[in-house]
Amino acid sequence: MSLLARPLRAAVCTVLVLSGCVTAGQAAAGESGCAHGRALRYVVTFDRGTSEAAARAEIDGACGATTVYYPQIAVAVATSGDPGFGGRIGLDRAFSAQAERLAAQRVAEVKPQPARAALPATDPAKVPTADLSGQQWDMRMIDAPAGTTGLLGSRDVVVGVLDSGIDPDHPDLSDAVDRDDSAGCLTGAPDRSPSAWVPTTSVHGTHVAGIIAAADDGRGVTGVAPGVRVASVKVIDDRGYADPEAAVCGLMWAASRHMRVTNSSFFVNPWTLSCIRGSDRGVVHEVLARAVEYSTSAGTVNVAAATNEAVDLTPSARSGARGASSGCEALPAGLRDVVAVSAVGPDRVKAGYSSYGLGVIDVTAPGGETGECVLSTVPGGYAPLCGTSMAAPHVTGVLALLASAAPEARPRQLRRTLEAQATPMPCPADYDLTGDGLQDAYCAGYEGYNGFYGHGMVHVPAPAAQPGGEPDQAR
């Protein structure tokens, strides 16, 4: 997935508290002998502890310009119009999803994916007011009868929705959207202007936000955790791409703003399939792993969808380490500190599209199947959508409720409570969805923990539920 290149604007810094930035003029010092072509974005890794000055100097010397440097994880986002930039830095340290995608288009001789049509502005007065809770089968499945949860989240809890943007004018979300903590991350550096974080072509982020926090007001739908706030952190562009630099920016922004939970209903992958591997994939894994590790240590629980590729994400037995498999890997869902979520349909069986994997999937939640999807908010009204994208925010909402009940709980405490309270689900005896006599996927594990459902079906806790276990070790 990817973003389009955008030219740097001289003398403009949007890095805020996370780092400094350089302008186009500052980059000129390293341009001697550099080629000038289409400017592309790169993520670049450095040895931990590398100073910002040293990172900038190396990027300048390689014919690039620094957009932002995250010293906490020693990762930079840079732009360069010189095709040799990646080679000068080192292909094991620099990666451009844009360059990868352009190369694939040249080989396949296909046109780039066009931008989607722009969304019309929402008129709150025209949004239907009927109570739609009777259609929210998904809420009943997780023990949260829509509209009658009796459990409200705390406004002190902010959930970062890393997605395509949230409609702040939707009546079910207008009181929930935290404008101060919202930001656009498409360039790899946070931009707090509303135009950078509102949705422009996609209803996806608004739908996800509604599952988490739609108001319990007797109109429309009700989210899992009405009462919590949601921050729109835009990481998916108008063509549906979520590139590594945008995801890193989103995770780091959420950590800097002390968000308790983030939801990532996307996967970072410039390749067609997540099973394709190469040396450059190591860069993508590394930058995201560093960002997730840092945000977790800063107090944020990160939730991610398992993807809709219907692939087995189980790490190879030989590697033994989660996220180090020689097979398929979904990022960020496959990372160790991320709560990975698979999807089930109304029949409580793994949806055919949902990816799975023992040692990867932590819990499952309703994502729907064709003909019976999950109803939630979209700009201008309500609509059903299916996918692991819809399953993940159910889990995010439950974690937001747990965080509301225990303000001092650390990420691993919240996660342990989530898993302990999940309803165990055994592997299905027969998983032949097409009726051809062949198994469509193989479920490994036992009732308490398996590759289809992890620890089981997530559910809304009782009002008195509190995260338990020993506190996390401070970092």
Protein backbone atom coordinates (compact mmCIF):
# COMPACT_ATOMS: atom_id res chain seq x y z
CA MET A 1 0.00 0.00 0.00
CA SER A 2 1.28 3.51 -0.69
CA LEU A 3 0.99 7.25 -0.90
CA LEU A 4 1.63 9.66 -3.76
CA ALA A 5 4.73 11.79 -3.65
CA ARG A 6 4.29 15.37 -2.55
CA PRO A 7 6.89 18.13 -2.98
CA LEU A 8 8.48 19.56 0.13
CA ARG A 9 7.40 23.07 1.03
CA ALA A 10 10.25 25.35 1.96
CA ALA A 11 10.35 26.78 5.46
CA VAL A 12 7.39 24.72 6.71
CA CYS A 13 7.81 22.43 9.73
CA THR A 14 5.02 20.10 10.85
CA VAL A 15 7.02 17.83 13.14
CA LEU A 16 5.81 19.40 16.42
CA VAL A 17 7.11 17.84 19.64
CA LEU A 18 8.36 14.63 18.05
CA SER A 19 11.37 15.98 16.23
CA GLY A 20 12.76 18.78 14.14
CA CYS A 21 12.61 19.06 10.38
CA VAL A 22 14.66 20.35 7.51
CA THR A 23 13.44 22.55 4.70
CA ALA A 24 14.12 22.20 1.00
CA GLY A 25 16.76 24.89 1.29
CA GLN A 26 18.61 23.02 3.99
CA ALA A 27 18.72 19.91 1.83
CA ALA A 28 20.50 21.77 -0.96
CA ALA A 29 23.85 21.43 0.78
CA GLY A 30 24.02 17.74 -0.09
CA GLU A 31 22.79 17.94 -3.68
CA SER A 32 26.13 18.16 -5.50
CA GLY A 33 26.21 15.36 -8.06
CA CYS A 34 22.67 14.27 -7.26
CA ALA A 35 20.14 13.25 -9.91
CA HIS A 36 16.81 15.06 -9.97
CA GLY A 37 13.71 13.04 -10.72
CA ARG A 38 10.37 12.35 -9.15
CA ALA A 39 10.61 12.86 -5.39
CA LEU A 40 9.75 9.69 -3.47
CA ARG A 41 9.39 9.03 0.24
CA TYR A 42 11.56 6.58 2.16
CA VAL A 43 11.71 5.18 5.67
CA VAL A 44 15.29 4.93 6.93
CA THR A 45 16.60 3.08 9.97
CA PHE A 46 19.62 4.11 12.02
CA ASP A 47 21.46 2.55 14.93
CA ARG A 48 19.57 3.24 18.14
CA GLY A 49 20.94 6.32 19.82
CA THR A 50 21.84 8.06 16.56
CA SER A 51 21.45 11.81 17.00
CA GLU A 52 19.14 13.82 14.83
CA ALA A 53 22.05 15.84 13.46
CA ALA A 54 23.89 12.68 12.42
CA ALA A 55 20.80 11.22 10.79
CA ARG A 56 20.15 14.41 8.83
CA ALA A 57 23.74 14.60 7.70
CA GLU A 58 23.73 11.05 6.34
CA ILE A 59 20.45 11.61 4.50
CA ASP A 60 21.72 14.90 3.04
CA GLY A 61 24.92 13.22 1.91
CA ALA A 62 22.93 10.52 0.13
CA CYS A 63 21.01 13.13 -1.92
CA GLY A 64 17.91 13.18 0.26
CA ALA A 65 16.02 15.58 2.50
CA THR A 66 14.74 14.73 5.97
CA THR A 67 11.01 15.14 6.53
CA VAL A 68 11.03 13.96 10.14
CA TYR A 69 13.31 12.05 12.50
CA TYR A 70 11.94 10.02 15.41
CA PRO A 71 14.90 9.86 17.82
CA GLN A 72 13.03 7.58 20.23
CA ILE A 73 13.24 4.76 17.66
CA ALA A 74 16.01 6.06 15.37
CA VAL A 75 13.80 6.07 12.28
CA ALA A 76 13.61 8.86 9.72
CA VAL A 77 11.25 9.69 6.89
CA ALA A 78 13.08 11.22 3.94
CA THR A 79 12.40 12.26 0.35
CA SER A 80 14.69 12.04 -2.63
CA GLY A 81 14.44 12.48 -6.38
CA ASP A 82 17.67 10.57 -6.91
CA PRO A 83 17.11 6.89 -7.84
CA GLY A 84 20.40 6.06 -6.13
CA PHE A 85 19.33 7.31 -2.70
CA GLY A 86 18.34 3.91 -1.34
CA GLY A 87 21.55 2.31 -2.50
CA ARG A 88 23.68 5.02 -0.90
CA ILE A 89 21.96 4.59 2.45
CA GLY A 90 21.85 0.80 2.09
CA LEU A 91 18.94 -1.33 0.88
CA ASP A 92 18.91 -3.04 4.26
CA ARG A 93 18.16 0.33 5.89
CA ALA A 94 16.06 2.38 3.42
CA PHE A 95 12.77 1.49 1.75
CA SER A 96 10.26 3.33 -0.44
CA ALA A 97 6.81 1.85 -0.93
CA GLN A 98 6.26 4.41 -3.68
CA ALA A 99 9.35 3.25 -5.59
CA GLU A 100 8.37 -0.39 -5.13
CA ARG A 101 4.92 0.26 -6.50
CA LEU A 102 6.17 2.28 -9.47
CA ALA A 103 8.59 -0.51 -10.38
CA ALA A 104 5.80 -3.09 -10.24
CA GLN A 105 3.62 -0.91 -12.47
CA ARG A 106 6.39 -0.63 -15.05
CA VAL A 107 6.92 -4.39 -15.11
CA ALA A 108 3.21 -5.15 -15.37
CA GLU A 109 2.56 -2.19 -17.70
CA VAL A 110 -0.49 -1.14 -15.71
CA LYS A 111 -1.75 2.28 -14.79
CA PRO A 112 -1.62 3.40 -11.16
CA GLN A 113 -4.76 2.98 -9.11
CA PRO A 114 -6.90 6.13 -9.49
CA ALA A 115 -8.03 8.19 -6.54
CA ARG A 116 -11.56 7.50 -5.34
CA ALA A 117 -14.42 9.97 -5.69
CA ALA A 118 -14.56 12.69 -3.06
CA LEU A 119 -17.05 12.28 -0.23
CA PRO A 120 -19.87 14.83 0.06
CA ALA A 121 -19.97 16.91 3.25
CA THR A 122 -22.20 15.57 5.99
CA ASP A 123 -25.31 17.57 6.83
CA PRO A 124 -26.15 16.51 10.41
CA ALA A 125 -29.81 17.45 9.90
CA LYS A 126 -30.12 14.88 7.10
CA VAL A 127 -28.64 11.92 8.97
CA PRO A 128 -31.41 9.40 9.78
CA THR A 129 -32.51 9.42 13.43
CA ALA A 130 -34.19 6.00 13.66
CA ASP A 131 -32.93 3.61 16.34
CA LEU A 132 -30.94 0.94 14.48
CA SER A 133 -29.78 -1.02 17.52
CA GLY A 134 -31.98 -3.96 16.57
CA GLN A 135 -29.72 -4.54 13.57
CA GLN A 136 -26.54 -4.64 15.64
CA TRP A 137 -26.18 -8.41 15.95
CA ASP A 138 -22.47 -7.87 16.44
CA MET A 139 -22.99 -6.06 19.75
CA ARG A 140 -25.19 -8.84 21.08
CA MET A 141 -22.53 -11.37 20.10
CA ILE A 142 -19.98 -9.69 22.40
CA ASP A 143 -22.49 -9.38 25.27
CA ALA A 144 -23.20 -5.70 24.64
CA PRO A 145 -26.86 -5.41 23.61
CA ALA A 146 -26.82 -2.32 21.42
CA GLY A 147 -28.29 0.74 23.07
CA THR A 148 -28.49 -0.88 26.50
CA THR A 149 -24.88 -1.50 27.43
CA GLY A 150 -25.20 0.19 30.81
CA LEU A 151 -21.45 0.77 30.60
CA LEU A 152 -20.03 4.06 29.42
CA GLY A 153 -16.40 4.78 28.69
CA SER A 154 -14.50 7.64 30.26
CA ARG A 155 -13.82 10.82 28.31
CA ASP A 156 -10.33 10.67 29.77
CA VAL A 157 -9.67 7.68 27.49
CA VAL A 158 -8.63 8.62 23.96
CA VAL A 159 -8.57 5.97 21.25
CA GLY A 160 -6.44 6.59 18.19
CA VAL A 161 -8.21 5.43 15.05
CA LEU A 162 -5.37 4.95 12.56
CA ASP A 163 -7.37 4.90 9.37
CA SER A 164 -8.73 7.00 6.50
CA GLY A 165 -10.15 9.77 8.69
CA ILE A 166 -13.24 10.24 10.88
CA ASP A 167 -16.19 12.42 9.93
CA PRO A 168 -16.41 14.97 12.80
CA ASP A 169 -19.88 16.15 11.71
CA HIS A 170 -21.67 12.82 12.07
CA PRO A 171 -24.19 13.19 14.94
CA ASP A 172 -23.18 9.85 16.46
CA LEU A 173 -19.52 10.90 16.56
CA SER A 174 -19.44 14.70 16.82
CA ASP A 175 -19.12 14.66 20.61
CA ALA A 176 -16.60 11.82 20.53
CA VAL A 177 -14.07 13.15 18.02
CA ASP A 178 -11.04 14.62 19.77
CA ARG A 179 -9.94 17.35 17.39
CA ASP A 180 -6.92 18.38 19.47
CA ASP A 181 -5.40 14.90 19.26
CA SER A 182 -6.27 14.28 15.60
CA ALA A 183 -3.61 14.50 12.90
CA GLY A 184 -2.84 13.53 9.35
CA CYS A 185 0.20 11.30 8.85
CA LEU A 186 0.33 10.78 5.10
CA THR A 187 3.71 12.50 4.73
CA GLY A 188 5.23 10.58 7.64
CA ALA A 189 5.06 13.65 9.93
CA PRO A 190 1.95 14.66 11.91
CA ASP A 191 -0.16 17.53 10.57
CA ARG A 192 -2.83 18.77 12.99
CA SER A 193 -4.80 20.87 10.50
CA PRO A 194 -8.36 19.50 10.08
CA SER A 195 -7.92 19.18 6.32
CA ALA A 196 -5.16 16.63 6.99
CA TRP A 197 -7.25 14.27 9.13
CA VAL A 198 -10.85 14.43 7.91
CA PRO A 199 -11.97 11.73 5.45
CA THR A 200 -11.80 12.74 1.80
CA THR A 201 -12.66 9.66 -0.25
CA SER A 202 -13.21 6.75 2.15
CA VAL A 203 -15.98 5.88 4.65
CA HIS A 204 -13.74 3.25 6.28
CA GLY A 205 -12.38 5.27 9.21
CA THR A 206 -15.77 6.68 10.14
CA HIS A 207 -17.24 3.16 10.13
CA VAL A 208 -14.47 1.88 12.40
CA ALA A 209 -14.88 4.85 14.77
CA GLY A 210 -18.61 4.21 15.09
CA ILE A 211 -18.06 0.61 16.18
CA ILE A 212 -15.81 1.93 18.94
CA ALA A 213 -17.60 5.02 20.21
CA ALA A 214 -20.92 5.86 18.51
CA ALA A 215 -23.17 7.64 21.03
CA ASP A 216 -25.69 5.69 23.12
CA ASP A 217 -28.48 8.19 22.44
CA GLY A 218 -31.35 6.08 21.13
CA ARG A 219 -30.65 7.11 17.54
CA GLY A 220 -28.68 5.34 14.87
CA VAL A 221 -26.14 2.84 16.24
CA THR A 222 -24.29 2.51 19.54
CA GLY A 223 -20.59 1.75 19.84
CA VAL A 224 -18.89 -0.66 22.20
CA ALA A 225 -17.55 2.16 24.37
CA PRO A 226 -19.80 5.21 24.08
CA GLY A 227 -18.30 8.00 26.13
CA VAL A 228 -14.66 7.55 25.18
CA ARG A 229 -13.05 9.95 22.73
CA VAL A 230 -11.64 9.00 19.35
CA ALA A 231 -8.78 10.78 17.59
CA SER A 232 -8.68 10.70 13.80
CA VAL A 233 -5.13 9.71 12.83
CA LYS A 234 -5.13 9.54 9.05
CA VAL A 235 -2.70 6.95 7.68
CA ILE A 236 -4.65 5.69 4.64
CA ASP A 237 -4.54 7.87 1.56
CA ASP A 238 -7.08 8.53 -1.19
CA ARG A 239 -6.03 5.42 -3.11
CA GLY A 240 -6.37 3.16 -0.10
CA TYR A 241 -2.65 2.86 0.60
CA ALA A 242 -1.14 2.82 4.09
CA ASP A 243 2.60 3.13 3.64
CA PRO A 244 5.20 2.36 6.34
CA GLU A 245 6.02 6.02 7.01
CA ALA A 246 2.36 6.85 7.64
CA ALA A 247 1.90 3.93 10.03
CA VAL A 248 5.07 4.81 11.96
CA CYS A 249 3.89 8.42 12.22
CA GLY A 250 0.47 7.30 13.48
CA LEU A 251 1.90 5.04 16.16
CA MET A 252 4.40 7.64 17.33
CA TRP A 253 1.78 10.39 17.35
CA ALA A 254 -0.58 8.25 19.44
CA ALA A 255 2.22 7.60 21.94
CA SER A 256 3.16 11.28 22.13
CA ARG A 257 -0.47 12.20 22.86
CA HIS A 258 -0.80 9.49 25.53
CA MET A 259 -3.61 7.62 23.81
CA ARG A 260 -4.63 4.53 25.75
CA VAL A 261 -5.53 2.38 22.73
CA THR A 262 -5.03 2.48 18.96
CA ASN A 263 -6.92 0.63 16.23
CA SER A 264 -5.22 -0.32 12.95
CA SER A 265 -7.79 -1.79 10.56
CA PHE A 266 -5.31 -2.00 7.69
CA PHE A 267 -2.09 -3.71 6.81
CA VAL A 268 1.10 -2.04 5.68
CA ASN A 269 2.24 -3.79 2.56
CA PRO A 270 3.40 -2.33 -0.75
CA TRP A 271 3.34 -5.80 -2.29
CA THR A 272 0.31 -7.57 -3.75
CA LEU A 273 0.43 -10.39 -1.21
CA SER A 274 1.73 -10.38 2.36
CA CYS A 275 3.46 -13.69 1.61
CA ILE A 276 6.03 -12.06 -0.65
CA ARG A 277 9.30 -11.56 1.14
CA GLY A 278 12.62 -9.94 0.39
CA SER A 279 15.46 -8.04 2.04
CA ASP A 280 13.51 -4.79 1.80
CA ARG A 281 10.65 -6.31 3.77
CA GLY A 282 13.00 -6.43 6.74
CA VAL A 283 13.12 -2.63 6.76
CA VAL A 284 9.32 -2.39 6.89
CA HIS A 285 9.17 -4.94 9.70
CA GLU A 286 11.91 -3.18 11.64
CA VAL A 287 10.45 0.35 11.54
CA LEU A 288 7.00 -0.86 12.55
CA ALA A 289 8.36 -3.14 15.28
CA ARG A 290 10.31 -0.23 16.77
CA ALA A 291 7.25 2.05 16.68
CA VAL A 292 4.99 -0.54 18.29
CA GLU A 293 7.55 -1.37 20.96
CA TYR A 294 7.97 2.30 21.81
CA SER A 295 4.24 3.07 21.90
CA THR A 296 3.60 0.06 24.13
CA SER A 297 6.31 1.20 26.54
CA ALA A 298 4.70 4.66 26.51
CA GLY A 299 1.37 3.20 27.67
CA THR A 300 -0.58 2.51 24.47
CA VAL A 301 -2.27 -0.81 23.62
CA ASN A 302 -2.22 -1.39 19.87
CA VAL A 303 -4.94 -3.46 18.18
CA ALA A 304 -4.80 -4.57 14.52
CA ALA A 305 -6.94 -6.49 12.05
CA ALA A 306 -5.58 -9.84 10.88
CA THR A 307 -6.29 -8.90 7.18
CA ASN A 308 -8.83 -10.29 4.73
CA GLU A 309 -6.39 -12.40 2.72
CA ALA A 310 -7.49 -15.73 4.23
CA VAL A 311 -3.86 -16.76 4.70
CA ASP A 312 -2.16 -18.71 7.47
CA LEU A 313 0.05 -16.29 9.41
CA THR A 314 1.50 -18.94 11.75
CA PRO A 315 5.23 -18.31 12.27
CA SER A 316 7.42 -21.15 11.08
CA ALA A 317 8.37 -23.65 13.74
CA ARG A 318 12.02 -23.24 12.77
CA SER A 319 12.07 -19.49 13.45
CA GLY A 320 10.24 -19.82 16.74
CA ALA A 321 9.78 -16.05 16.99
CA ARG A 322 6.54 -14.28 16.30
CA GLY A 323 6.92 -11.96 13.36
CA ALA A 324 10.07 -13.75 12.13
CA SER A 325 8.28 -16.37 10.04
CA SER A 326 9.53 -17.31 6.59
CA GLY A 327 5.90 -17.50 5.47
CA CYS A 328 3.23 -14.82 5.43
CA GLU A 329 3.29 -11.82 7.72
CA ALA A 330 0.65 -9.14 8.30
CA LEU A 331 1.94 -5.82 9.56
CA PRO A 332 1.23 -4.49 12.11
CA ALA A 333 -0.98 -7.41 13.24
CA GLY A 334 1.89 -9.91 13.22
CA LEU A 335 4.07 -7.95 15.64
CA ARG A 336 4.61 -9.27 19.13
CA ASP A 337 3.12 -6.38 21.09
CA VAL A 338 0.03 -5.98 18.90
CA VAL A 339 -3.37 -7.50 19.74
CA ALA A 340 -4.24 -9.30 16.48
CA VAL A 341 -7.93 -9.89 15.75
CA SER A 342 -9.59 -12.42 13.44
CA ALA A 343 -13.21 -12.15 12.27
CA VAL A 344 -16.26 -14.39 12.61
CA GLY A 345 -19.62 -14.21 10.90
CA PRO A 346 -23.05 -14.30 12.56
CA ASP A 347 -22.67 -18.10 12.93
CA ARG A 348 -19.63 -17.59 15.21
CA VAL A 349 -17.37 -19.41 12.72
CA LYS A 350 -14.21 -17.85 11.30
CA ALA A 351 -15.18 -15.79 8.27
CA GLY A 352 -13.81 -17.23 5.05
CA TYR A 353 -11.85 -14.07 4.27
CA SER A 354 -10.22 -13.78 7.68
CA SER A 355 -6.52 -14.57 8.00
CA TYR A 356 -5.54 -16.74 10.96
CA GLY A 357 -2.56 -18.34 12.61
CA LEU A 358 -1.50 -20.01 15.85
CA GLY A 359 0.74 -17.69 17.82
CA VAL A 360 -0.55 -14.62 15.95
CA ILE A 361 -4.29 -14.32 16.55
CA ASP A 362 -5.02 -13.14 20.09
CA VAL A 363 -8.82 -12.87 20.10
CA THR A 364 -11.71 -12.89 17.65
CA ALA A 365 -14.72 -10.60 17.14
CA PRO A 366 -17.63 -10.17 14.74
CA GLY A 367 -16.69 -8.99 11.26
CA GLY A 368 -19.66 -10.33 9.33
CA GLU A 369 -20.13 -12.27 6.12
CA THR A 370 -21.72 -11.37 2.80
CA GLY A 371 -25.37 -10.55 3.35
CA GLU A 372 -24.96 -9.88 7.06
CA CYS A 373 -22.22 -7.35 7.67
CA VAL A 374 -21.60 -4.99 10.59
CA LEU A 375 -23.72 -1.83 10.68
CA SER A 376 -21.98 1.39 11.70
CA THR A 377 -21.55 5.07 10.94
CA VAL A 378 -20.47 6.44 7.57
CA PRO A 379 -20.39 10.06 6.41
CA GLY A 380 -24.00 11.10 5.92
CA GLY A 381 -25.59 8.11 7.64
CA TYR A 382 -25.11 4.40 8.32
CA ALA A 383 -24.04 1.37 6.27
CA PRO A 384 -22.98 -2.27 6.72
CA LEU A 385 -19.40 -3.36 5.97
CA CYS A 386 -17.67 -6.73 6.41
CA GLY A 387 -14.06 -7.56 7.27
CA THR A 388 -11.44 -7.99 9.94
CA SER A 389 -11.46 -4.17 9.78
CA MET A 390 -14.82 -4.35 11.56
CA ALA A 391 -13.73 -7.07 14.01
CA ALA A 392 -10.72 -5.16 15.36
CA PRO A 393 -12.63 -2.08 16.64
CA HIS A 394 -14.90 -4.32 18.76
CA VAL A 395 -11.75 -5.38 20.60
CA THR A 396 -10.48 -1.81 20.73
CA GLY A 397 -13.76 -0.72 22.30
CA VAL A 398 -13.55 -3.39 24.99
CA LEU A 399 -9.99 -2.33 25.82
CA ALA A 400 -11.19 1.28 26.03
CA LEU A 401 -13.80 0.21 28.59
CA LEU A 402 -11.17 -1.67 30.60
CA ALA A 403 -8.91 1.38 30.48
CA SER A 404 -11.83 3.55 31.63
CA ALA A 405 -12.34 1.31 34.66
CA ALA A 406 -8.63 1.21 35.51
CA PRO A 407 -6.91 4.51 34.62
CA GLU A 408 -3.53 3.34 35.96
CA ALA A 409 -3.48 -0.04 34.18
CA ARG A 410 -0.57 -0.58 31.83
CA PRO A 411 -0.88 -2.14 28.35
CA ARG A 412 0.04 -5.67 29.33
CA GLN A 413 -2.41 -5.61 32.25
CA LEU A 414 -5.19 -4.54 29.92
CA ARG A 415 -4.22 -7.17 27.42
CA ARG A 416 -4.09 -9.96 29.99
CA THR A 417 -7.55 -9.01 31.23
CA LEU A 418 -8.92 -8.91 27.69
CA GLU A 419 -7.62 -12.40 26.99
CA ALA A 420 -8.67 -13.83 30.34
CA GLN A 421 -12.25 -12.58 29.91
CA ALA A 422 -12.60 -13.83 26.33
CA THR A 423 -14.99 -16.75 25.80
CA PRO A 424 -12.97 -19.79 24.62
CA MET A 425 -13.93 -21.14 21.19
CA PRO A 426 -12.78 -24.56 19.98
CA CYS A 427 -11.57 -25.25 16.46
CA PRO A 428 -14.47 -26.22 14.18
CA ALA A 429 -14.76 -29.95 13.56
CA ASP A 430 -15.34 -29.27 9.87
CA TYR A 431 -14.29 -26.11 8.02
CA ASP A 432 -15.60 -26.79 4.53
CA LEU A 433 -17.22 -23.49 3.59
CA THR A 434 -17.64 -24.34 -0.09
CA GLY A 435 -19.09 -27.83 0.43
CA ASP A 436 -16.59 -29.49 -1.89
CA GLY A 437 -15.41 -31.96 0.72
CA LEU A 438 -12.09 -30.19 1.29
CA GLN A 439 -11.06 -28.14 4.30
CA ASP A 440 -10.75 -24.46 3.40
CA ALA A 441 -8.32 -23.78 6.27
CA TYR A 442 -6.77 -25.76 9.10
CA CYS A 443 -7.19 -24.70 12.72
CA ALA A 444 -4.33 -25.62 15.06
CA GLY A 445 -4.53 -25.49 18.85
CA TYR A 446 -7.11 -26.27 21.49
CA GLU A 447 -10.29 -24.68 22.84
CA GLY A 448 -8.51 -22.20 25.09
CA TYR A 449 -6.08 -20.99 22.42
CA ASN A 450 -5.99 -21.73 18.71
CA GLY A 451 -5.14 -20.27 15.34
CA PHE A 452 -8.69 -19.34 14.33
CA TYR A 453 -9.86 -17.57 17.49
CA GLY A 454 -6.85 -17.04 19.74
CA HIS A 455 -8.08 -16.89 23.36
CA GLY A 456 -11.68 -16.69 22.14
CA MET A 457 -14.54 -14.29 21.54
CA VAL A 458 -14.05 -10.87 23.08
CA HIS A 459 -16.90 -9.58 25.22
CA VAL A 460 -17.87 -6.43 27.04
CA PRO A 461 -16.89 -6.71 30.72
CA ALA A 462 -19.27 -6.32 33.62
CA PRO A 463 -19.31 -2.76 35.03
CA ALA A 464 -17.24 -3.88 38.01
CA ALA A 465 -14.56 -5.61 35.94
CA GLN A 466 -11.02 -4.40 36.60
CA PRO A 467 -7.75 -5.37 34.90
CA GLY A 468 -5.88 -7.79 37.10
CA GLY A 469 -2.44 -9.33 37.36
CA GLU A 470 0.87 -7.82 38.27
CA PRO A 471 1.63 -4.32 37.00
CA ASP A 472 3.81 -4.04 33.91
CA GLN A 473 7.47 -3.42 34.50
CA ALA A 474 8.20 0.25 33.98
CA ARG A 475 10.49 1.06 31.07
